Structure formats: C-alpha cells, structure tokens
PDB file of N, CA and C in Angstrom:
ATOM      1  N   MET A   1       9.965  -2.653   5.721  1.00  0.00           N
ATOM      2  CA  MET A   1      11.173  -2.243   6.369  1.00  0.00           C
ATOM      3  C   MET A   1      12.288  -3.277   6.113  1.00  0.00           C
ATOM      4  N   LEU A   2      11.904  -4.530   6.135  1.00  0.00           N
ATOM      5  CA  LEU A   2      12.878  -5.590   5.914  1.00  0.00           C
ATOM      6  C   LEU A   2      13.440  -5.548   4.489  1.00  0.00           C
ATOM      7  N   ILE A   3      12.558  -5.272   3.512  1.00  0.00           N
ATOM      8  CA  ILE A   3      13.025  -5.206   2.118  1.00  0.00           C
ATOM      9  C   ILE A   3      13.995  -4.041   1.954  1.00  0.00           C
ATOM     10  N   TRP A   4      13.726  -2.906   2.590  1.00  0.00           N
ATOM     11  CA  TRP A   4      14.631  -1.756   2.517  1.00  0.00           C
ATOM     12  C   TRP A   4      15.979  -2.104   3.136  1.00  0.00           C
ATOM     13  N   TYR A   5      15.958  -2.778   4.288  1.00  0.00           N
ATOM     14  CA  TYR A   5      17.199  -3.114   4.971  1.00  0.00           C
ATOM     15  C   TYR A   5      18.025  -4.121   4.169  1.00  0.00           C
ATOM     16  N   LEU A   6      17.372  -5.136   3.635  1.00  0.00           N
ATOM     17  CA  LEU A   6      18.107  -6.161   2.899  1.00  0.00           C
ATOM     18  C   LEU A   6      18.497  -5.704   1.492  1.00  0.00           C
ATOM     19  N   GLY A   7      17.609  -4.984   0.821  1.00  0.00           N
ATOM     20  CA  GLY A   7      17.852  -4.588  -0.566  1.00  0.00           C
ATOM     21  C   GLY A   7      18.911  -3.521  -0.728  1.00  0.00           C
ATOM     22  N   PRO A   8      18.540  -2.251  -0.660  1.00  0.00           N
ATOM     23  CA  PRO A   8      19.500  -1.181  -0.908  1.00  0.00           C
ATOM     24  C   PRO A   8      20.600  -1.080   0.149  1.00  0.00           C
ATOM     25  N   MET A   9      20.290  -1.316   1.394  1.00  0.00           N
ATOM     26  CA  MET A   9      21.280  -1.105   2.449  1.00  0.00           C
ATOM     27  C   MET A   9      22.346  -2.203   2.497  1.00  0.00           C
ATOM     28  N   ASN A  10      21.969  -3.443   2.257  1.00  0.00           N
ATOM     29  CA  ASN A  10      22.926  -4.547   2.323  1.00  0.00           C
ATOM     30  C   ASN A  10      23.283  -5.119   0.960  1.00  0.00           C
ATOM     31  N   LYS A  11      22.931  -4.394  -0.087  1.00  0.00           N
ATOM     32  CA  LYS A  11      23.312  -4.724  -1.464  1.00  0.00           C
ATOM     33  C   LYS A  11      22.838  -6.100  -1.917  1.00  0.00           C
ATOM     34  N   LEU A  12      21.641  -6.488  -1.488  1.00  0.00           N
ATOM     35  CA  LEU A  12      21.037  -7.723  -1.970  1.00  0.00           C
ATOM     36  C   LEU A  12      20.275  -7.364  -3.240  1.00  0.00           C
ATOM     37  N   VAL A  13      20.853  -7.674  -4.384  1.00  0.00           N
ATOM     38  CA  VAL A  13      20.346  -7.219  -5.674  1.00  0.00           C
ATOM     39  C   VAL A  13      18.921  -7.703  -5.938  1.00  0.00           C
ATOM     40  N   ALA A  14      18.569  -8.872  -5.481  1.00  0.00           N
ATOM     41  CA  ALA A  14      17.223  -9.401  -5.730  1.00  0.00           C
ATOM     42  C   ALA A  14      16.138  -8.555  -5.071  1.00  0.00           C
ATOM     43  N   LEU A  15      16.450  -7.857  -3.985  1.00  0.00           N
ATOM     44  CA  LEU A  15      15.470  -7.024  -3.286  1.00  0.00           C
ATOM     45  C   LEU A  15      15.772  -5.535  -3.398  1.00  0.00           C
ATOM     46  N   ASP A  16      16.638  -5.155  -4.309  1.00  0.00           N
ATOM     47  CA  ASP A  16      17.006  -3.752  -4.480  1.00  0.00           C
ATOM     48  C   ASP A  16      15.966  -3.055  -5.347  1.00  0.00           C
ATOM     49  N   TYR A  17      14.933  -2.512  -4.715  1.00  0.00           N
ATOM     50  CA  TYR A  17      13.809  -1.920  -5.444  1.00  0.00           C
ATOM     51  C   TYR A  17      14.093  -0.520  -5.966  1.00  0.00           C
ATOM     52  N   ILE A  18      15.151   0.138  -5.504  1.00  0.00           N
ATOM     53  CA  ILE A  18      15.452   1.484  -5.992  1.00  0.00           C
ATOM     54  C   ILE A  18      16.530   1.489  -7.063  1.00  0.00           C
ATOM     55  N   GLY A  19      17.135   0.364  -7.300  1.00  0.00           N
ATOM     56  CA  GLY A  19      18.128   0.254  -8.365  1.00  0.00           C
ATOM     57  C   GLY A  19      19.478   0.845  -8.034  1.00  0.00           C
ATOM     58  N   SER A  20      19.832   0.910  -6.778  1.00  0.00           N
ATOM     59  CA  SER A  20      21.107   1.507  -6.395  1.00  0.00           C
ATOM     60  C   SER A  20      22.302   0.603  -6.688  1.00  0.00           C
ATOM     61  N   HIS A  21      22.070  -0.666  -6.918  1.00  0.00           N
ATOM     62  CA  HIS A  21      23.166  -1.612  -7.186  1.00  0.00           C
ATOM     63  C   HIS A  21      22.862  -2.431  -8.436  1.00  0.00           C
ATOM     64  N   GLY A  22      22.546  -1.777  -9.508  1.00  0.00           N
ATOM     65  CA  GLY A  22      22.261  -2.488 -10.747  1.00  0.00           C
ATOM     66  C   GLY A  22      20.902  -2.103 -11.296  1.00  0.00           C
ATOM     67  N   ASN A  23      20.225  -3.059 -11.899  1.00  0.00           N
ATOM     68  CA  ASN A  23      18.959  -2.824 -12.581  1.00  0.00           C
ATOM     69  C   ASN A  23      17.837  -2.439 -11.628  1.00  0.00           C
ATOM     70  N   GLY A  24      17.736  -3.074 -10.493  1.00  0.00           N
ATOM     71  CA  GLY A  24      16.682  -2.787  -9.541  1.00  0.00           C
ATOM     72  C   GLY A  24      15.383  -3.527  -9.806  1.00  0.00           C
ATOM     73  N   ARG A  25      15.315  -4.303 -10.866  1.00  0.00           N
ATOM     74  CA  ARG A  25      14.154  -5.118 -11.213  1.00  0.00           C
ATOM     75  C   ARG A  25      12.850  -4.328 -11.253  1.00  0.00           C
ATOM     76  N   PRO A  26      12.768  -3.264 -12.047  1.00  0.00           N
ATOM     77  CA  PRO A  26      11.527  -2.483 -12.112  1.00  0.00           C
ATOM     78  C   PRO A  26      10.344  -3.276 -12.657  1.00  0.00           C
ATOM     79  N   GLU A  27      10.601  -4.302 -13.472  1.00  0.00           N
ATOM     80  CA  GLU A  27       9.515  -5.112 -14.019  1.00  0.00           C
ATOM     81  C   GLU A  27       8.783  -5.887 -12.933  1.00  0.00           C
ATOM     82  N   PHE A  28       9.382  -6.032 -11.777  1.00  0.00           N
ATOM     83  CA  PHE A  28       8.743  -6.700 -10.650  1.00  0.00           C
ATOM     84  C   PHE A  28       8.154  -5.684  -9.667  1.00  0.00           C
ATOM     85  N   PHE A  29       8.926  -4.677  -9.304  1.00  0.00           N
ATOM     86  CA  PHE A  29       8.514  -3.776  -8.236  1.00  0.00           C
ATOM     87  C   PHE A  29       7.485  -2.734  -8.663  1.00  0.00           C
ATOM     88  N   ILE A  30       7.479  -2.294  -9.908  1.00  0.00           N
ATOM     89  CA  ILE A  30       6.496  -1.295 -10.344  1.00  0.00           C
ATOM     90  C   ILE A  30       5.075  -1.873 -10.330  1.00  0.00           C
ATOM     91  N   PRO A  31       4.822  -3.055 -10.916  1.00  0.00           N
ATOM     92  CA  PRO A  31       3.455  -3.601 -10.829  1.00  0.00           C
ATOM     93  C   PRO A  31       3.013  -3.896  -9.389  1.00  0.00           C
ATOM     94  N   ILE A  32       3.927  -4.407  -8.584  1.00  0.00           N
ATOM     95  CA  ILE A  32       3.597  -4.671  -7.179  1.00  0.00           C
ATOM     96  C   ILE A  32       3.236  -3.365  -6.477  1.00  0.00           C
ATOM     97  N   SER A  33       3.976  -2.304  -6.740  1.00  0.00           N
ATOM     98  CA  SER A  33       3.691  -1.004  -6.130  1.00  0.00           C
ATOM     99  C   SER A  33       2.336  -0.474  -6.573  1.00  0.00           C
ATOM    100  N   ILE A  34       2.020  -0.612  -7.842  1.00  0.00           N
ATOM    101  CA  ILE A  34       0.731  -0.139  -8.346  1.00  0.00           C
ATOM    102  C   ILE A  34      -0.417  -0.905  -7.684  1.00  0.00           C
ATOM    103  N   VAL A  35      -0.270  -2.210  -7.548  1.00  0.00           N
ATOM    104  CA  VAL A  35      -1.305  -3.020  -6.898  1.00  0.00           C
ATOM    105  C   VAL A  35      -1.470  -2.609  -5.437  1.00  0.00           C
ATOM    106  N   LEU A  36      -0.367  -2.409  -4.727  1.00  0.00           N
ATOM    107  CA  LEU A  36      -0.453  -2.021  -3.315  1.00  0.00           C
ATOM    108  C   LEU A  36      -1.071  -0.640  -3.138  1.00  0.00           C
ATOM    109  N   ILE A  37      -0.759   0.299  -4.033  1.00  0.00           N
ATOM    110  CA  ILE A  37      -1.362   1.629  -3.966  1.00  0.00           C
ATOM    111  C   ILE A  37      -2.862   1.544  -4.226  1.00  0.00           C
ATOM    112  N   ALA A  38      -3.264   0.748  -5.218  1.00  0.00           N
ATOM    113  CA  ALA A  38      -4.693   0.574  -5.513  1.00  0.00           C
ATOM    114  C   ALA A  38      -5.416  -0.052  -4.316  1.00  0.00           C
ATOM    115  N   LEU A  39      -4.813  -1.052  -3.702  1.00  0.00           N
ATOM    116  CA  LEU A  39      -5.426  -1.674  -2.526  1.00  0.00           C
ATOM    117  C   LEU A  39      -5.530  -0.697  -1.364  1.00  0.00           C
ATOM    118  N   ALA A  40      -4.555   0.182  -1.218  1.00  0.00           N
ATOM    119  CA  ALA A  40      -4.605   1.189  -0.161  1.00  0.00           C
ATOM    120  C   ALA A  40      -5.769   2.154  -0.397  1.00  0.00           C
ATOM    121  N   PHE A  41      -5.964   2.579  -1.652  1.00  0.00           N
ATOM    122  CA  PHE A  41      -7.087   3.465  -1.963  1.00  0.00           C
ATOM    123  C   PHE A  41      -8.422   2.780  -1.723  1.00  0.00           C
ATOM    124  N   ILE A  42      -8.537   1.533  -2.127  1.00  0.00           N
ATOM    125  CA  ILE A  42      -9.778   0.780  -1.923  1.00  0.00           C
ATOM    126  C   ILE A  42     -10.057   0.606  -0.433  1.00  0.00           C
ATOM    127  N   GLY A  43      -9.035   0.250   0.320  1.00  0.00           N
ATOM    128  CA  GLY A  43      -9.199   0.074   1.766  1.00  0.00           C
ATOM    129  C   GLY A  43      -9.586   1.358   2.467  1.00  0.00           C
ATOM    130  N   ARG A  44      -8.969   2.458   2.072  1.00  0.00           N
ATOM    131  CA  ARG A  44      -9.301   3.746   2.694  1.00  0.00           C
ATOM    132  C   ARG A  44     -10.715   4.177   2.344  1.00  0.00           C
ATOM    133  N   THR A  45     -11.142   3.937   1.113  1.00  0.00           N
ATOM    134  CA  THR A  45     -12.506   4.271   0.708  1.00  0.00           C
ATOM    135  C   THR A  45     -13.516   3.478   1.527  1.00  0.00           C
ATOM    136  N   ARG A  46     -13.259   2.206   1.697  1.00  0.00           N
ATOM    137  CA  ARG A  46     -14.150   1.368   2.514  1.00  0.00           C
ATOM    138  C   ARG A  46     -14.176   1.838   3.961  1.00  0.00           C
ATOM    139  N   GLN A  47     -13.023   2.234   4.473  1.00  0.00           N
ATOM    140  CA  GLN A  47     -12.938   2.706   5.847  1.00  0.00           C
ATOM    141  C   GLN A  47     -13.750   3.997   6.028  1.00  0.00           C
ATOM    142  N   ILE A  48     -13.650   4.899   5.082  1.00  0.00           N
ATOM    143  CA  ILE A  48     -14.396   6.156   5.161  1.00  0.00           C
ATOM    144  C   ILE A  48     -15.895   5.895   5.068  1.00  0.00           C
ATOM    145  N   ARG A  49     -16.311   5.037   4.140  1.00  0.00           N
ATOM    146  CA  ARG A  49     -17.748   4.723   3.990  1.00  0.00           C
ATOM    147  C   ARG A  49     -18.301   4.072   5.247  1.00  0.00           C
ATOM    148  N   THR A  50     -17.549   3.147   5.822  1.00  0.00           N
ATOM    149  CA  THR A  50     -18.002   2.444   7.020  1.00  0.00           C
ATOM    150  C   THR A  50     -18.130   3.407   8.193  1.00  0.00           C
ATOM    151  N   SER A  51     -17.145   4.259   8.382  1.00  0.00           N
ATOM    152  CA  SER A  51     -17.213   5.182   9.509  1.00  0.00           C
ATOM    153  C   SER A  51     -18.318   6.215   9.311  1.00  0.00           C
ATOM    154  N   ALA A  52     -18.579   6.641   8.072  1.00  0.00           N
ATOM    155  CA  ALA A  52     -19.665   7.583   7.802  1.00  0.00           C
ATOM    156  C   ALA A  52     -21.013   6.927   8.067  1.00  0.00           C
ATOM    157  N   ALA A  53     -21.166   5.670   7.675  1.00  0.00           N
ATOM    158  CA  ALA A  53     -22.417   4.956   7.910  1.00  0.00           C
ATOM    159  C   ALA A  53     -22.644   4.735   9.405  1.00  0.00           C
ATOM    160  N   LEU A  54     -21.596   4.384  10.132  1.00  0.00           N
ATOM    161  CA  LEU A  54     -21.733   4.189  11.579  1.00  0.00           C
ATOM    162  C   LEU A  54     -22.071   5.493  12.277  1.00  0.00           C
ATOM    163  N   TYR A  55     -21.486   6.583  11.820  1.00  0.00           N
ATOM    164  CA  TYR A  55     -21.800   7.889  12.392  1.00  0.00           C
ATOM    165  C   TYR A  55     -23.249   8.266  12.129  1.00  0.00           C
ATOM    166  N   ALA A  56     -23.719   7.997  10.914  1.00  0.00           N
ATOM    167  CA  ALA A  56     -25.106   8.312  10.565  1.00  0.00           C
ATOM    168  C   ALA A  56     -26.072   7.511  11.442  1.00  0.00           C
ATOM    169  N   LEU A  57     -25.757   6.260  11.692  1.00  0.00           N
ATOM    170  CA  LEU A  57     -26.594   5.450  12.584  1.00  0.00           C
ATOM    171  C   LEU A  57     -26.561   5.967  14.015  1.00  0.00           C
ATOM    172  N   LYS A  58     -25.399   6.411  14.436  1.00  0.00           N
ATOM    173  CA  LYS A  58     -25.232   6.876  15.806  1.00  0.00           C
ATOM    174  C   LYS A  58     -26.040   8.147  16.066  1.00  0.00           C
ATOM    175  N   VAL A  59     -26.051   9.065  15.124  1.00  0.00           N
ATOM    176  CA  VAL A  59     -26.762  10.329  15.329  1.00  0.00           C
ATOM    177  C   VAL A  59     -28.213  10.255  14.850  1.00  0.00           C
ATOM    178  N   GLY A  60     -28.618   9.129  14.281  1.00  0.00           N
ATOM    179  CA  GLY A  60     -29.995   8.949  13.883  1.00  0.00           C
ATOM    180  C   GLY A  60     -30.347   9.515  12.519  1.00  0.00           C
ATOM    181  N   LEU A  61     -29.379   9.650  11.644  1.00  0.00           N
ATOM    182  CA  LEU A  61     -29.635  10.184  10.312  1.00  0.00           C
ATOM    183  C   LEU A  61     -30.140   9.124   9.340  1.00  0.00           C
ATOM    184  N   ALA A  62     -29.912   7.874   9.655  1.00  0.00           N
ATOM    185  CA  ALA A  62     -30.317   6.797   8.754  1.00  0.00           C
ATOM    186  C   ALA A  62     -31.020   5.726   9.562  1.00  0.00           C
ATOM    187  N   SER A  63     -31.906   5.032   8.895  1.00  0.00           N
ATOM    188  CA  SER A  63     -32.582   3.939   9.577  1.00  0.00           C
ATOM    189  C   SER A  63     -31.756   2.666   9.441  1.00  0.00           C
ATOM    190  N   PRO A  64     -31.783   1.799  10.430  1.00  0.00           N
ATOM    191  CA  PRO A  64     -30.950   0.578  10.386  1.00  0.00           C
ATOM    192  C   PRO A  64     -31.335  -0.388   9.351  1.00  0.00           C
TER     193      PRO A  64
END
C-alpha cells in the first residue's frame, strides 16, 4: 500500500511500478513480482497440504 501511495500517486519515480511517470523500472518490478507470485503459490500449497493432513488426523483417516 505504501509503494502505491508513494509511487504512482505522489510521482516518486523510483517507486513508480506502473510506469505512469516515466519508465516505471520494469527491470526491477517484474522479477520481484514473479518471485512474490511464486512464493504465494508455494505458501498456499503448503497451507492446503497442512490443513488436509490435520483434517485427516482429526477424522481418523491417517495414522499419526
């Protein structure tokens, strides 16, 4: 939220990730975005596996 407020809204070119006031520095923000999206997928996968395993233990489908 802070990057959005400082970058595009207040014309701080160094944090302008959408390129509304110049280049937008895609060479920095695109790789960072890809890494964050990958981490989100990994985290969600782990969360789903953990909750499925806990559910299986709770209902007695798996041995501890």
